[in-house]
Amino acid sequence: AGYLNIFNIRGNQKSNIFRMTINNIFNVEQPLKTGFFSKTKDISLLNIGPDELLLISETENIKENIKKFKDKMFKINACITDVSDHYQCLHLSGEKVRWILSKGCPVDLDENVFIPSKCAQTLIGNSNIILFCTQRNSFSLICNSSFANYILLWLKDASFEHGYEYKS
């Protein structure tokens, strides 16, 4: 996927101060419901749990904003953890991508259900993943770095019958 900074943010998502702080510092709206994400040009903010957000930045200049957030964390009762080295991200797209993912994912990936702006912590095969729909037939898949090769092999096997191939 290229260069990514990934941060886990924990805090009270019902707090107006928490939401305003995230919006003001990172310039991205916090999704109000679990299972949704919002996106700007360089930042995606996934609401993956009742008190858990995942901030994904595609630029290196996020470090200054992280410092600003850390300075305000104690006032808003929040914490932020850099998990960039813990995860790998794959971008998947194509006409049959939903069918391929559904072979090993228990989430309903029907295009009328798992629409763009939806995300989920789920499984693929035997591995935990975070999956989010960026466009109608386009997904980003985040997995633990130690399972990245397993996920690639699983995807290669699941997509073989459809003529898809892995491109780095």
N, C-alpha and C. Protein backbone atom coordinates (compact mmCIF):
# COMPACT_ATOMS: atom_id res chain seq x y z
N ALA A 1 0.81 -1.20 0.00
CA ALA A 1 0.00 0.00 0.00
C ALA A 1 0.84 1.26 0.00
N GLY A 2 2.14 1.14 0.23
CA GLY A 2 2.97 2.33 0.33
C GLY A 2 3.17 2.69 1.79
N TYR A 3 3.60 3.91 2.02
CA TYR A 3 3.92 4.37 3.37
C TYR A 3 2.65 4.66 4.16
N LEU A 4 2.48 4.01 5.30
CA LEU A 4 1.32 4.24 6.16
C LEU A 4 1.76 4.41 7.60
N ASN A 5 1.14 5.36 8.28
CA ASN A 5 1.23 5.49 9.73
C ASN A 5 -0.12 5.04 10.26
N ILE A 6 -0.12 4.13 11.20
CA ILE A 6 -1.37 3.63 11.77
C ILE A 6 -1.32 3.82 13.28
N PHE A 7 -2.37 4.46 13.79
CA PHE A 7 -2.44 4.76 15.22
C PHE A 7 -3.76 4.27 15.79
N ASN A 8 -3.69 3.63 16.94
CA ASN A 8 -4.87 3.20 17.67
C ASN A 8 -5.19 4.31 18.67
N ILE A 9 -6.42 4.80 18.64
CA ILE A 9 -6.85 5.86 19.55
C ILE A 9 -7.97 5.30 20.43
N ARG A 10 -7.80 5.46 21.74
CA ARG A 10 -8.82 5.03 22.69
C ARG A 10 -9.35 6.24 23.44
N GLY A 11 -10.66 6.30 23.60
CA GLY A 11 -11.26 7.40 24.34
C GLY A 11 -12.77 7.32 24.30
N ASN A 12 -13.42 8.21 25.02
CA ASN A 12 -14.87 8.25 25.10
C ASN A 12 -15.42 8.94 23.85
N GLN A 13 -15.92 8.15 22.92
CA GLN A 13 -16.39 8.69 21.66
C GLN A 13 -17.67 9.49 21.80
N LYS A 14 -18.35 9.38 22.93
CA LYS A 14 -19.57 10.17 23.16
C LYS A 14 -19.24 11.57 23.66
N SER A 15 -17.99 11.79 24.03
CA SER A 15 -17.57 13.08 24.55
C SER A 15 -17.41 14.08 23.40
N ASN A 16 -18.10 15.22 23.52
CA ASN A 16 -17.96 16.27 22.51
C ASN A 16 -16.54 16.80 22.44
N ILE A 17 -15.87 16.89 23.58
CA ILE A 17 -14.50 17.39 23.62
C ILE A 17 -13.57 16.43 22.88
N PHE A 18 -13.76 15.14 23.09
CA PHE A 18 -12.95 14.12 22.40
C PHE A 18 -13.14 14.25 20.89
N ARG A 19 -14.40 14.32 20.43
CA ARG A 19 -14.68 14.41 18.99
C ARG A 19 -14.14 15.70 18.39
N MET A 20 -14.33 16.82 19.10
CA MET A 20 -13.84 18.10 18.58
C MET A 20 -12.32 18.13 18.52
N THR A 21 -11.66 17.52 19.50
CA THR A 21 -10.19 17.48 19.51
C THR A 21 -9.69 16.71 18.30
N ILE A 22 -10.27 15.55 18.02
CA ILE A 22 -9.86 14.77 16.85
C ILE A 22 -10.12 15.55 15.57
N ASN A 23 -11.29 16.15 15.47
CA ASN A 23 -11.64 16.92 14.27
C ASN A 23 -10.69 18.10 14.07
N ASN A 24 -10.40 18.83 15.14
CA ASN A 24 -9.54 20.01 15.04
C ASN A 24 -8.09 19.68 14.74
N ILE A 25 -7.59 18.62 15.33
CA ILE A 25 -6.17 18.29 15.15
C ILE A 25 -5.93 17.56 13.83
N PHE A 26 -6.77 16.57 13.51
CA PHE A 26 -6.52 15.76 12.32
C PHE A 26 -7.35 16.18 11.11
N ASN A 27 -8.28 17.11 11.32
CA ASN A 27 -9.12 17.63 10.25
C ASN A 27 -9.91 16.52 9.56
N VAL A 28 -10.45 15.61 10.37
CA VAL A 28 -11.30 14.53 9.86
C VAL A 28 -12.44 14.32 10.84
N GLU A 29 -13.63 14.13 10.32
CA GLU A 29 -14.81 13.89 11.16
C GLU A 29 -14.75 12.48 11.73
N GLN A 30 -15.08 12.36 13.00
CA GLN A 30 -15.14 11.05 13.63
C GLN A 30 -16.46 10.40 13.28
N PRO A 31 -16.42 9.18 12.72
CA PRO A 31 -17.68 8.46 12.47
C PRO A 31 -18.38 8.18 13.80
N LEU A 32 -19.66 8.45 13.85
CA LEU A 32 -20.39 8.32 15.12
C LEU A 32 -20.77 6.89 15.45
N LYS A 33 -20.83 6.02 14.46
CA LYS A 33 -21.22 4.63 14.69
C LYS A 33 -20.05 3.69 14.47
N THR A 34 -19.99 2.66 15.31
CA THR A 34 -19.01 1.60 15.11
C THR A 34 -19.30 0.90 13.78
N GLY A 35 -18.24 0.61 13.04
CA GLY A 35 -18.41 -0.06 11.76
C GLY A 35 -18.42 0.88 10.58
N PHE A 36 -18.10 2.15 10.81
CA PHE A 36 -18.03 3.13 9.74
C PHE A 36 -16.68 3.84 9.79
N PHE A 37 -16.29 4.45 8.68
CA PHE A 37 -15.07 5.26 8.67
C PHE A 37 -15.28 6.50 7.84
N SER A 38 -14.43 7.49 8.11
CA SER A 38 -14.44 8.71 7.31
C SER A 38 -13.05 8.90 6.73
N LYS A 39 -12.99 9.65 5.63
CA LYS A 39 -11.72 9.76 4.91
C LYS A 39 -11.56 11.17 4.37
N THR A 40 -10.33 11.66 4.46
CA THR A 40 -9.92 12.87 3.76
C THR A 40 -8.90 12.43 2.71
N LYS A 41 -8.21 13.36 2.13
CA LYS A 41 -7.23 13.01 1.09
C LYS A 41 -6.16 12.03 1.62
N ASP A 42 -5.62 12.31 2.81
CA ASP A 42 -4.50 11.52 3.33
C ASP A 42 -4.80 10.72 4.59
N ILE A 43 -5.99 10.89 5.17
CA ILE A 43 -6.28 10.26 6.45
C ILE A 43 -7.59 9.49 6.38
N SER A 44 -7.57 8.28 6.96
CA SER A 44 -8.79 7.51 7.17
C SER A 44 -8.94 7.32 8.67
N LEU A 45 -10.16 7.49 9.17
CA LEU A 45 -10.44 7.30 10.59
C LEU A 45 -11.53 6.26 10.72
N LEU A 46 -11.16 5.07 11.22
CA LEU A 46 -12.08 3.95 11.34
C LEU A 46 -12.60 3.84 12.76
N ASN A 47 -13.91 3.72 12.91
CA ASN A 47 -14.52 3.49 14.20
C ASN A 47 -14.69 1.97 14.33
N ILE A 48 -13.77 1.33 15.04
CA ILE A 48 -13.74 -0.14 15.08
C ILE A 48 -14.20 -0.72 16.41
N GLY A 49 -14.62 0.12 17.32
CA GLY A 49 -15.12 -0.37 18.61
C GLY A 49 -15.73 0.75 19.40
N PRO A 50 -16.43 0.42 20.49
CA PRO A 50 -17.13 1.44 21.26
C PRO A 50 -16.21 2.55 21.80
N ASP A 51 -14.95 2.22 22.04
CA ASP A 51 -14.00 3.24 22.52
C ASP A 51 -12.70 3.19 21.72
N GLU A 52 -12.76 2.68 20.49
CA GLU A 52 -11.54 2.45 19.71
C GLU A 52 -11.67 2.99 18.29
N LEU A 53 -10.68 3.79 17.92
CA LEU A 53 -10.56 4.32 16.57
C LEU A 53 -9.22 3.89 16.00
N LEU A 54 -9.16 3.77 14.68
CA LEU A 54 -7.89 3.49 14.01
C LEU A 54 -7.67 4.63 13.02
N LEU A 55 -6.58 5.36 13.22
CA LEU A 55 -6.22 6.49 12.36
C LEU A 55 -5.14 6.01 11.40
N ILE A 56 -5.40 6.13 10.11
CA ILE A 56 -4.44 5.70 9.09
C ILE A 56 -4.05 6.91 8.27
N SER A 57 -2.76 7.22 8.26
CA SER A 57 -2.27 8.37 7.52
C SER A 57 -1.30 7.90 6.43
N GLU A 58 -1.46 8.47 5.25
CA GLU A 58 -0.61 8.10 4.13
C GLU A 58 0.56 9.05 3.95
N THR A 59 0.78 9.95 4.91
CA THR A 59 1.89 10.88 4.82
C THR A 59 2.73 10.83 6.09
N GLU A 60 3.95 11.33 5.98
CA GLU A 60 4.83 11.36 7.14
C GLU A 60 4.58 12.57 8.03
N ASN A 61 3.91 13.62 7.51
CA ASN A 61 3.72 14.83 8.29
C ASN A 61 2.68 14.70 9.39
N ILE A 62 2.24 13.54 9.70
CA ILE A 62 1.25 13.34 10.76
C ILE A 62 1.88 13.48 12.14
N LYS A 63 3.18 13.36 12.22
CA LYS A 63 3.89 13.35 13.52
C LYS A 63 3.60 14.60 14.35
N GLU A 64 3.53 15.77 13.72
CA GLU A 64 3.26 17.01 14.44
C GLU A 64 1.85 16.99 15.04
N ASN A 65 0.89 16.47 14.28
CA ASN A 65 -0.48 16.38 14.79
C ASN A 65 -0.59 15.36 15.92
N ILE A 66 0.18 14.29 15.83
CA ILE A 66 0.19 13.28 16.91
C ILE A 66 0.69 13.92 18.19
N LYS A 67 1.74 14.73 18.08
CA LYS A 67 2.28 15.42 19.26
C LYS A 67 1.22 16.35 19.86
N LYS A 68 0.48 17.09 19.02
CA LYS A 68 -0.58 17.96 19.52
C LYS A 68 -1.66 17.15 20.25
N PHE A 69 -2.00 15.99 19.67
CA PHE A 69 -3.01 15.14 20.31
C PHE A 69 -2.51 14.62 21.65
N LYS A 70 -1.24 14.20 21.70
CA LYS A 70 -0.67 13.70 22.96
C LYS A 70 -0.69 14.77 24.04
N ASP A 71 -0.46 16.03 23.65
CA ASP A 71 -0.48 17.12 24.62
C ASP A 71 -1.87 17.32 25.22
N LYS A 72 -2.91 16.95 24.50
CA LYS A 72 -4.30 17.14 24.97
C LYS A 72 -4.92 15.86 25.53
N MET A 73 -4.22 14.73 25.42
CA MET A 73 -4.79 13.44 25.81
C MET A 73 -5.31 13.40 27.25
N PHE A 74 -4.55 13.96 28.17
CA PHE A 74 -4.94 13.86 29.58
C PHE A 74 -6.18 14.69 29.88
N LYS A 75 -6.37 15.78 29.14
CA LYS A 75 -7.55 16.63 29.34
C LYS A 75 -8.81 15.95 28.82
N ILE A 76 -8.66 15.09 27.80
CA ILE A 76 -9.84 14.45 27.20
C ILE A 76 -9.94 12.96 27.54
N ASN A 77 -9.05 12.50 28.45
CA ASN A 77 -9.07 11.11 28.90
C ASN A 77 -8.97 10.14 27.71
N ALA A 78 -7.87 10.23 26.97
CA ALA A 78 -7.66 9.41 25.79
C ALA A 78 -6.22 8.94 25.73
N CYS A 79 -5.98 7.99 24.86
CA CYS A 79 -4.60 7.54 24.62
C CYS A 79 -4.45 7.23 23.14
N ILE A 80 -3.21 7.32 22.67
CA ILE A 80 -2.91 7.03 21.27
C ILE A 80 -1.65 6.17 21.23
N THR A 81 -1.67 5.14 20.39
CA THR A 81 -0.55 4.21 20.29
C THR A 81 -0.18 4.03 18.83
N ASP A 82 1.10 4.16 18.52
CA ASP A 82 1.58 3.93 17.17
C ASP A 82 1.67 2.42 16.95
N VAL A 83 0.86 1.91 16.03
CA VAL A 83 0.84 0.48 15.73
C VAL A 83 1.27 0.21 14.28
N SER A 84 1.96 1.17 13.68
CA SER A 84 2.35 1.08 12.27
C SER A 84 3.15 -0.18 11.97
N ASP A 85 4.08 -0.53 12.84
CA ASP A 85 4.92 -1.70 12.60
C ASP A 85 4.19 -3.01 12.86
N HIS A 86 3.06 -2.95 13.50
CA HIS A 86 2.30 -4.14 13.84
C HIS A 86 1.43 -4.63 12.68
N TYR A 87 1.10 -3.74 11.75
CA TYR A 87 0.15 -4.05 10.69
C TYR A 87 0.73 -3.92 9.30
N GLN A 88 0.11 -4.65 8.38
CA GLN A 88 0.33 -4.52 6.95
C GLN A 88 -1.03 -4.20 6.33
N CYS A 89 -1.01 -3.47 5.21
CA CYS A 89 -2.25 -3.09 4.55
C CYS A 89 -2.21 -3.54 3.09
N LEU A 90 -3.29 -4.14 2.65
CA LEU A 90 -3.44 -4.55 1.26
C LEU A 90 -4.63 -3.83 0.67
N HIS A 91 -4.50 -3.39 -0.57
CA HIS A 91 -5.63 -2.80 -1.29
C HIS A 91 -6.10 -3.83 -2.32
N LEU A 92 -7.37 -4.17 -2.26
CA LEU A 92 -7.95 -5.19 -3.12
C LEU A 92 -9.07 -4.58 -3.94
N SER A 93 -9.09 -4.90 -5.22
CA SER A 93 -10.19 -4.40 -6.04
C SER A 93 -10.42 -5.34 -7.21
N GLY A 94 -11.59 -5.23 -7.79
CA GLY A 94 -11.95 -6.04 -8.95
C GLY A 94 -13.40 -6.45 -8.88
N GLU A 95 -13.90 -6.87 -9.99
CA GLU A 95 -15.31 -7.23 -10.12
C GLU A 95 -15.72 -8.37 -9.18
N LYS A 96 -14.83 -9.31 -8.91
CA LYS A 96 -15.16 -10.48 -8.08
C LYS A 96 -14.59 -10.41 -6.66
N VAL A 97 -14.08 -9.25 -6.26
CA VAL A 97 -13.42 -9.15 -4.97
C VAL A 97 -14.34 -9.50 -3.80
N ARG A 98 -15.61 -9.13 -3.87
CA ARG A 98 -16.55 -9.45 -2.79
C ARG A 98 -16.75 -10.96 -2.67
N TRP A 99 -16.87 -11.63 -3.81
CA TRP A 99 -17.05 -13.08 -3.81
C TRP A 99 -15.82 -13.77 -3.24
N ILE A 100 -14.65 -13.31 -3.64
CA ILE A 100 -13.40 -13.91 -3.17
C ILE A 100 -13.26 -13.74 -1.66
N LEU A 101 -13.48 -12.53 -1.15
CA LEU A 101 -13.38 -12.29 0.29
C LEU A 101 -14.42 -13.07 1.07
N SER A 102 -15.61 -13.22 0.50
CA SER A 102 -16.69 -13.92 1.21
C SER A 102 -16.39 -15.40 1.41
N LYS A 103 -15.43 -15.95 0.68
CA LYS A 103 -15.07 -17.37 0.86
C LYS A 103 -14.51 -17.65 2.24
N GLY A 104 -13.93 -16.63 2.89
CA GLY A 104 -13.35 -16.87 4.20
C GLY A 104 -13.69 -15.81 5.23
N CYS A 105 -14.65 -14.95 4.93
CA CYS A 105 -14.99 -13.84 5.81
C CYS A 105 -16.46 -13.95 6.23
N PRO A 106 -16.76 -13.96 7.52
CA PRO A 106 -18.15 -14.12 7.97
C PRO A 106 -19.02 -12.86 7.83
N VAL A 107 -18.43 -11.72 7.47
CA VAL A 107 -19.20 -10.48 7.31
C VAL A 107 -20.01 -10.55 6.02
N ASP A 108 -21.22 -10.02 6.04
CA ASP A 108 -22.05 -9.95 4.84
C ASP A 108 -21.47 -8.88 3.92
N LEU A 109 -20.82 -9.30 2.84
CA LEU A 109 -20.15 -8.38 1.93
C LEU A 109 -21.00 -8.00 0.73
N ASP A 110 -22.29 -8.26 0.79
CA ASP A 110 -23.18 -7.86 -0.30
C ASP A 110 -23.02 -6.36 -0.54
N GLU A 111 -23.02 -5.95 -1.80
CA GLU A 111 -22.78 -4.54 -2.12
C GLU A 111 -23.85 -3.60 -1.61
N ASN A 112 -25.00 -4.12 -1.21
CA ASN A 112 -26.04 -3.29 -0.61
C ASN A 112 -25.92 -3.21 0.91
N VAL A 113 -25.07 -4.05 1.49
CA VAL A 113 -24.89 -4.10 2.94
C VAL A 113 -23.55 -3.49 3.34
N PHE A 114 -22.47 -4.03 2.82
CA PHE A 114 -21.12 -3.54 3.15
C PHE A 114 -20.74 -2.50 2.09
N ILE A 115 -21.25 -1.30 2.30
CA ILE A 115 -21.13 -0.22 1.32
C ILE A 115 -19.85 0.60 1.58
N PRO A 116 -19.44 1.44 0.63
CA PRO A 116 -18.31 2.33 0.91
C PRO A 116 -18.59 3.15 2.18
N SER A 117 -17.58 3.29 2.99
CA SER A 117 -17.58 3.95 4.30
C SER A 117 -17.88 2.97 5.44
N LYS A 118 -18.05 1.68 5.16
CA LYS A 118 -18.24 0.66 6.19
C LYS A 118 -16.89 -0.01 6.49
N CYS A 119 -16.72 -0.44 7.74
CA CYS A 119 -15.52 -1.17 8.13
C CYS A 119 -15.90 -2.22 9.18
N ALA A 120 -15.03 -3.20 9.36
CA ALA A 120 -15.30 -4.25 10.33
C ALA A 120 -14.00 -4.92 10.77
N GLN A 121 -13.96 -5.28 12.06
CA GLN A 121 -12.92 -6.18 12.54
C GLN A 121 -13.51 -7.57 12.37
N THR A 122 -12.82 -8.42 11.65
CA THR A 122 -13.39 -9.73 11.33
C THR A 122 -12.26 -10.73 11.11
N LEU A 123 -12.60 -11.83 10.46
CA LEU A 123 -11.63 -12.87 10.13
C LEU A 123 -11.58 -13.07 8.63
N ILE A 124 -10.44 -13.51 8.15
CA ILE A 124 -10.34 -14.07 6.81
C ILE A 124 -9.51 -15.33 6.97
N GLY A 125 -10.08 -16.44 6.57
CA GLY A 125 -9.42 -17.71 6.86
C GLY A 125 -9.33 -17.88 8.36
N ASN A 126 -8.11 -17.96 8.88
CA ASN A 126 -7.90 -18.10 10.32
C ASN A 126 -7.20 -16.89 10.92
N SER A 127 -7.27 -15.75 10.27
CA SER A 127 -6.54 -14.58 10.73
C SER A 127 -7.48 -13.40 10.99
N ASN A 128 -7.19 -12.66 12.05
CA ASN A 128 -7.92 -11.44 12.35
C ASN A 128 -7.53 -10.36 11.35
N ILE A 129 -8.52 -9.61 10.87
CA ILE A 129 -8.25 -8.51 9.95
C ILE A 129 -9.17 -7.34 10.28
N ILE A 130 -8.84 -6.21 9.71
CA ILE A 130 -9.73 -5.05 9.68
C ILE A 130 -9.97 -4.79 8.20
N LEU A 131 -11.22 -4.77 7.81
CA LEU A 131 -11.59 -4.62 6.41
C LEU A 131 -12.43 -3.37 6.25
N PHE A 132 -12.09 -2.54 5.26
CA PHE A 132 -12.96 -1.40 4.99
C PHE A 132 -13.14 -1.20 3.50
N CYS A 133 -14.36 -0.81 3.15
CA CYS A 133 -14.79 -0.66 1.76
C CYS A 133 -14.56 0.78 1.33
N THR A 134 -13.63 0.98 0.39
CA THR A 134 -13.30 2.32 -0.05
C THR A 134 -14.10 2.76 -1.27
N GLN A 135 -14.48 1.81 -2.12
CA GLN A 135 -15.34 2.05 -3.27
C GLN A 135 -16.18 0.80 -3.47
N ARG A 136 -17.09 0.83 -4.44
CA ARG A 136 -18.03 -0.29 -4.62
C ARG A 136 -17.34 -1.65 -4.63
N ASN A 137 -16.31 -1.83 -5.41
CA ASN A 137 -15.58 -3.10 -5.48
C ASN A 137 -14.11 -2.91 -5.15
N SER A 138 -13.87 -2.14 -4.10
CA SER A 138 -12.50 -1.84 -3.67
C SER A 138 -12.44 -1.84 -2.15
N PHE A 139 -11.48 -2.56 -1.61
CA PHE A 139 -11.34 -2.72 -0.17
C PHE A 139 -9.90 -2.51 0.25
N SER A 140 -9.72 -2.10 1.49
CA SER A 140 -8.42 -2.13 2.14
C SER A 140 -8.52 -3.15 3.25
N LEU A 141 -7.51 -3.98 3.37
CA LEU A 141 -7.46 -5.06 4.35
C LEU A 141 -6.22 -4.85 5.19
N ILE A 142 -6.40 -4.75 6.49
CA ILE A 142 -5.28 -4.57 7.42
C ILE A 142 -5.16 -5.84 8.23
N CYS A 143 -3.92 -6.36 8.29
CA CYS A 143 -3.69 -7.59 9.06
C CYS A 143 -2.40 -7.44 9.86
N ASN A 144 -2.23 -8.30 10.86
CA ASN A 144 -0.98 -8.33 11.61
C ASN A 144 0.15 -8.67 10.65
N SER A 145 1.28 -8.03 10.82
CA SER A 145 2.43 -8.26 9.95
C SER A 145 2.82 -9.73 9.90
N SER A 146 2.72 -10.40 11.03
CA SER A 146 3.12 -11.81 11.08
C SER A 146 2.19 -12.72 10.28
N PHE A 147 0.99 -12.24 9.94
CA PHE A 147 0.05 -13.04 9.16
C PHE A 147 -0.05 -12.59 7.70
N ALA A 148 0.74 -11.61 7.30
CA ALA A 148 0.64 -11.05 5.95
C ALA A 148 0.87 -12.11 4.87
N ASN A 149 1.87 -12.95 5.03
CA ASN A 149 2.13 -13.99 4.03
C ASN A 149 0.99 -15.00 3.97
N TYR A 150 0.44 -15.36 5.12
CA TYR A 150 -0.71 -16.26 5.15
C TYR A 150 -1.89 -15.65 4.39
N ILE A 151 -2.16 -14.37 4.64
CA ILE A 151 -3.27 -13.68 3.96
C ILE A 151 -3.03 -13.65 2.45
N LEU A 152 -1.81 -13.33 2.04
CA LEU A 152 -1.50 -13.30 0.60
C LEU A 152 -1.71 -14.66 -0.04
N LEU A 153 -1.25 -15.71 0.62
CA LEU A 153 -1.44 -17.07 0.08
C LEU A 153 -2.93 -17.44 0.05
N TRP A 154 -3.66 -17.05 1.10
CA TRP A 154 -5.09 -17.33 1.14
C TRP A 154 -5.80 -16.62 -0.01
N LEU A 155 -5.49 -15.34 -0.22
CA LEU A 155 -6.12 -14.57 -1.30
C LEU A 155 -5.75 -15.13 -2.67
N LYS A 156 -4.49 -15.53 -2.82
CA LYS A 156 -4.04 -16.11 -4.09
C LYS A 156 -4.83 -17.38 -4.39
N ASP A 157 -4.98 -18.22 -3.39
CA ASP A 157 -5.72 -19.47 -3.57
C ASP A 157 -7.21 -19.21 -3.84
N ALA A 158 -7.81 -18.29 -3.08
CA ALA A 158 -9.24 -18.00 -3.22
C ALA A 158 -9.57 -17.32 -4.55
N SER A 159 -8.61 -16.62 -5.12
CA SER A 159 -8.90 -15.87 -6.35
C SER A 159 -8.42 -16.58 -7.62
N PHE A 160 -7.76 -17.71 -7.46
CA PHE A 160 -7.19 -18.43 -8.60
C PHE A 160 -8.24 -18.75 -9.68
N GLU A 161 -9.41 -19.24 -9.26
CA GLU A 161 -10.42 -19.64 -10.21
C GLU A 161 -10.99 -18.47 -11.02
N HIS A 162 -10.77 -17.24 -10.53
CA HIS A 162 -11.28 -16.05 -11.21
C HIS A 162 -10.22 -15.35 -12.07
N GLY A 163 -9.02 -15.90 -12.11
CA GLY A 163 -7.96 -15.35 -12.94
C GLY A 163 -7.25 -14.15 -12.36
N TYR A 164 -7.45 -13.87 -11.06
CA TYR A 164 -6.76 -12.75 -10.43
C TYR A 164 -5.34 -13.16 -10.10
N GLU A 165 -4.46 -12.16 -10.03
CA GLU A 165 -3.10 -12.43 -9.60
C GLU A 165 -2.59 -11.28 -8.74
N TYR A 166 -1.61 -11.59 -7.92
CA TYR A 166 -1.01 -10.63 -7.00
C TYR A 166 -0.03 -9.75 -7.75
N LYS A 167 -0.15 -8.43 -7.58
CA LYS A 167 0.80 -7.48 -8.16
C LYS A 167 1.35 -6.62 -7.04
N SER A 168 2.66 -6.57 -6.93
CA SER A 168 3.27 -5.76 -5.85
C SER A 168 3.59 -4.37 -6.31
